[in-house]
Amino acid sequence: MASQLNHLHELTMRIAQNIDMADVDELLELVECRDHVINSLQSISLSEDERTLLVEINKYDSLITSRMTILMEEAAQGLEKIAKTKLQKQSYEKMYAGESYFFDKKE
């Protein structure tokens, strides 16, 4: 268990130090690691050192959560932009009937 906690601690520290550059993949890795550690913690008791490590990891929760929120909002804005573009394209295409024909005339 100590090695899992150490890995989680190192991963948390690395992401926290470069939080502005953290991308979705790094944060996903962190969430998966945390999930794995939490599932493992349910069946064992922790030593004092492990508890201290968990408290230190917990200090960075708000920082990491705020970065996740920023990335989520950016993704939502991107999806909204795509949806608007698609809607504009559809409305533009509806204005022109598919039954019209154009003939080129050479002069």
C-alpha atoms as a PDB file:
ATOM      1  CA  MET A   1       0.000   0.000   0.000  1.00  0.00           C
ATOM      2  CA  ALA A   2       2.868   2.351   0.766  1.00  0.00           C
ATOM      3  CA  SER A   3       4.143   2.161  -2.811  1.00  0.00           C
ATOM      4  CA  GLN A   4       0.690   3.018  -4.184  1.00  0.00           C
ATOM      5  CA  LEU A   5       0.430   5.987  -1.846  1.00  0.00           C
ATOM      6  CA  ASN A   6       3.932   7.141  -2.753  1.00  0.00           C
ATOM      7  CA  HIS A   7       3.086   6.919  -6.447  1.00  0.00           C
ATOM      8  CA  LEU A   8      -0.123   8.893  -5.867  1.00  0.00           C
ATOM      9  CA  HIS A   9       1.790  11.471  -3.848  1.00  0.00           C
ATOM     10  CA  GLU A  10       4.457  11.879  -6.550  1.00  0.00           C
ATOM     11  CA  LEU A  11       1.826  12.157  -9.258  1.00  0.00           C
ATOM     12  CA  THR A  12      -0.125  14.719  -7.245  1.00  0.00           C
ATOM     13  CA  MET A  13       2.983  16.794  -6.578  1.00  0.00           C
ATOM     14  CA  ARG A  14       4.058  16.706 -10.234  1.00  0.00           C
ATOM     15  CA  ILE A  15       0.647  17.851 -11.423  1.00  0.00           C
ATOM     16  CA  ALA A  16       0.328  20.491  -8.683  1.00  0.00           C
ATOM     17  CA  GLN A  17       3.712  21.994  -9.569  1.00  0.00           C
ATOM     18  CA  ASN A  18       2.712  22.357 -13.217  1.00  0.00           C
ATOM     19  CA  ILE A  19      -1.018  22.828 -12.728  1.00  0.00           C
ATOM     20  CA  ASP A  20      -1.381  25.428 -15.486  1.00  0.00           C
ATOM     21  CA  MET A  21       0.117  22.997 -17.989  1.00  0.00           C
ATOM     22  CA  ALA A  22      -1.755  19.907 -16.767  1.00  0.00           C
ATOM     23  CA  ASP A  23      -3.827  18.378 -19.520  1.00  0.00           C
ATOM     24  CA  VAL A  24      -6.817  16.067 -19.471  1.00  0.00           C
ATOM     25  CA  ASP A  25      -4.721  12.912 -19.822  1.00  0.00           C
ATOM     26  CA  GLU A  26      -2.582  13.729 -16.784  1.00  0.00           C
ATOM     27  CA  LEU A  27      -5.633  14.546 -14.704  1.00  0.00           C
ATOM     28  CA  LEU A  28      -7.348  11.361 -15.838  1.00  0.00           C
ATOM     29  CA  GLU A  29      -4.287   9.367 -14.782  1.00  0.00           C
ATOM     30  CA  LEU A  30      -4.427  11.059 -11.381  1.00  0.00           C
ATOM     31  CA  VAL A  31      -8.133  10.311 -10.949  1.00  0.00           C
ATOM     32  CA  GLU A  32      -7.617   6.660 -11.875  1.00  0.00           C
ATOM     33  CA  CYS A  33      -4.684   6.370  -9.479  1.00  0.00           C
ATOM     34  CA  ARG A  34      -6.707   7.958  -6.693  1.00  0.00           C
ATOM     35  CA  ASP A  35      -9.616   5.636  -7.401  1.00  0.00           C
ATOM     36  CA  HIS A  36      -7.346   2.616  -7.208  1.00  0.00           C
ATOM     37  CA  VAL A  37      -5.814   3.800  -3.918  1.00  0.00           C
ATOM     38  CA  ILE A  38      -9.226   4.561  -2.408  1.00  0.00           C
ATOM     39  CA  ASN A  39     -10.489   1.096  -3.309  1.00  0.00           C
ATOM     40  CA  SER A  40      -7.375  -0.413  -1.706  1.00  0.00           C
ATOM     41  CA  LEU A  41      -7.738   1.696   1.444  1.00  0.00           C
ATOM     42  CA  GLN A  42     -11.145   0.311   2.276  1.00  0.00           C
ATOM     43  CA  SER A  43      -9.764  -3.055   3.307  1.00  0.00           C
ATOM     44  CA  ILE A  44      -6.704  -2.082   5.371  1.00  0.00           C
ATOM     45  CA  SER A  45      -5.673   0.133   8.251  1.00  0.00           C
ATOM     46  CA  LEU A  46      -3.105   2.852   7.664  1.00  0.00           C
ATOM     47  CA  SER A  47       0.087   3.667   9.461  1.00  0.00           C
ATOM     48  CA  GLU A  48       0.722   7.177  10.745  1.00  0.00           C
ATOM     49  CA  ASP A  49       3.108   7.896   7.843  1.00  0.00           C
ATOM     50  CA  GLU A  50       0.481   6.822   5.310  1.00  0.00           C
ATOM     51  CA  ARG A  51      -2.113   9.044   6.975  1.00  0.00           C
ATOM     52  CA  THR A  52       0.289  11.979   6.852  1.00  0.00           C
ATOM     53  CA  LEU A  53       0.850  11.328   3.161  1.00  0.00           C
ATOM     54  CA  LEU A  54      -2.913  11.294   2.551  1.00  0.00           C
ATOM     55  CA  VAL A  55      -3.329  14.594   4.383  1.00  0.00           C
ATOM     56  CA  GLU A  56      -0.610  16.134   2.226  1.00  0.00           C
ATOM     57  CA  ILE A  57      -2.225  14.800  -0.938  1.00  0.00           C
ATOM     58  CA  ASN A  58      -5.559  16.190   0.207  1.00  0.00           C
ATOM     59  CA  LYS A  59      -4.091  19.706   0.449  1.00  0.00           C
ATOM     60  CA  TYR A  60      -3.949  19.884  -3.355  1.00  0.00           C
ATOM     61  CA  ASP A  61      -7.541  18.808  -3.988  1.00  0.00           C
ATOM     62  CA  SER A  62      -8.949  22.298  -4.484  1.00  0.00           C
ATOM     63  CA  LEU A  63      -6.101  23.294  -6.806  1.00  0.00           C
ATOM     64  CA  ILE A  64      -6.519  20.204  -8.967  1.00  0.00           C
ATOM     65  CA  THR A  65     -10.317  20.428  -8.911  1.00  0.00           C
ATOM     66  CA  SER A  66     -10.188  24.025 -10.099  1.00  0.00           C
ATOM     67  CA  ARG A  67      -7.960  23.010 -13.035  1.00  0.00           C
ATOM     68  CA  MET A  68     -10.393  20.220 -13.891  1.00  0.00           C
ATOM     69  CA  THR A  69     -13.248  22.719 -13.828  1.00  0.00           C
ATOM     70  CA  ILE A  70     -11.371  25.060 -16.174  1.00  0.00           C
ATOM     71  CA  LEU A  71     -10.709  22.218 -18.628  1.00  0.00           C
ATOM     72  CA  MET A  72     -14.345  21.116 -18.402  1.00  0.00           C
ATOM     73  CA  GLU A  73     -15.536  24.650 -19.189  1.00  0.00           C
ATOM     74  CA  GLU A  74     -13.121  24.897 -22.126  1.00  0.00           C
ATOM     75  CA  ALA A  75     -14.435  21.602 -23.482  1.00  0.00           C
ATOM     76  CA  ALA A  76     -18.036  22.770 -23.049  1.00  0.00           C
ATOM     77  CA  GLN A  77     -17.262  26.000 -24.925  1.00  0.00           C
ATOM     78  CA  GLY A  78     -15.637  24.011 -27.714  1.00  0.00           C
ATOM     79  CA  LEU A  79     -18.651  21.726 -27.997  1.00  0.00           C
ATOM     80  CA  GLU A  80     -20.978  24.715 -27.987  1.00  0.00           C
ATOM     81  CA  LYS A  81     -18.962  26.341 -30.771  1.00  0.00           C
ATOM     82  CA  ILE A  82     -19.122  23.148 -32.825  1.00  0.00           C
ATOM     83  CA  ALA A  83     -22.877  22.908 -32.288  1.00  0.00           C
ATOM     84  CA  LYS A  84     -23.389  26.542 -33.355  1.00  0.00           C
ATOM     85  CA  THR A  85     -21.276  26.033 -36.465  1.00  0.00           C
ATOM     86  CA  LYS A  86     -23.226  22.917 -37.345  1.00  0.00           C
ATOM     87  CA  LEU A  87     -26.529  24.745 -36.825  1.00  0.00           C
ATOM     88  CA  GLN A  88     -25.402  27.665 -39.003  1.00  0.00           C
ATOM     89  CA  LYS A  89     -24.276  25.277 -41.729  1.00  0.00           C
ATOM     90  CA  GLN A  90     -27.600  23.432 -41.631  1.00  0.00           C
ATOM     91  CA  SER A  91     -29.627  26.642 -41.817  1.00  0.00           C
ATOM     92  CA  TYR A  92     -27.490  27.881 -44.716  1.00  0.00           C
ATOM     93  CA  GLU A  93     -27.941  24.623 -46.599  1.00  0.00           C
ATOM     94  CA  LYS A  94     -31.718  24.711 -46.052  1.00  0.00           C
ATOM     95  CA  MET A  95     -31.942  28.081 -47.795  1.00  0.00           C
ATOM     96  CA  TYR A  96     -30.874  26.494 -51.053  1.00  0.00           C
ATOM     97  CA  ALA A  97     -32.977  23.756 -52.550  1.00  0.00           C
ATOM     98  CA  GLY A  98     -31.207  20.705 -53.786  1.00  0.00           C
ATOM     99  CA  GLU A  99     -33.326  20.827 -56.922  1.00  0.00           C
ATOM    100  CA  SER A 100     -31.733  23.917 -58.400  1.00  0.00           C
ATOM    101  CA  TYR A 101     -29.260  23.705 -61.251  1.00  0.00           C
ATOM    102  CA  PHE A 102     -26.510  25.994 -62.440  1.00  0.00           C
ATOM    103  CA  PHE A 103     -25.284  26.193 -66.002  1.00  0.00           C
ATOM    104  CA  ASP A 104     -21.965  27.647 -66.968  1.00  0.00           C
ATOM    105  CA  LYS A 105     -22.033  29.768 -70.044  1.00  0.00           C
ATOM    106  CA  LYS A 106     -18.794  30.371 -71.921  1.00  0.00           C
ATOM    107  CA  GLU A 107     -18.429  33.671 -73.608  1.00  0.00           C
END
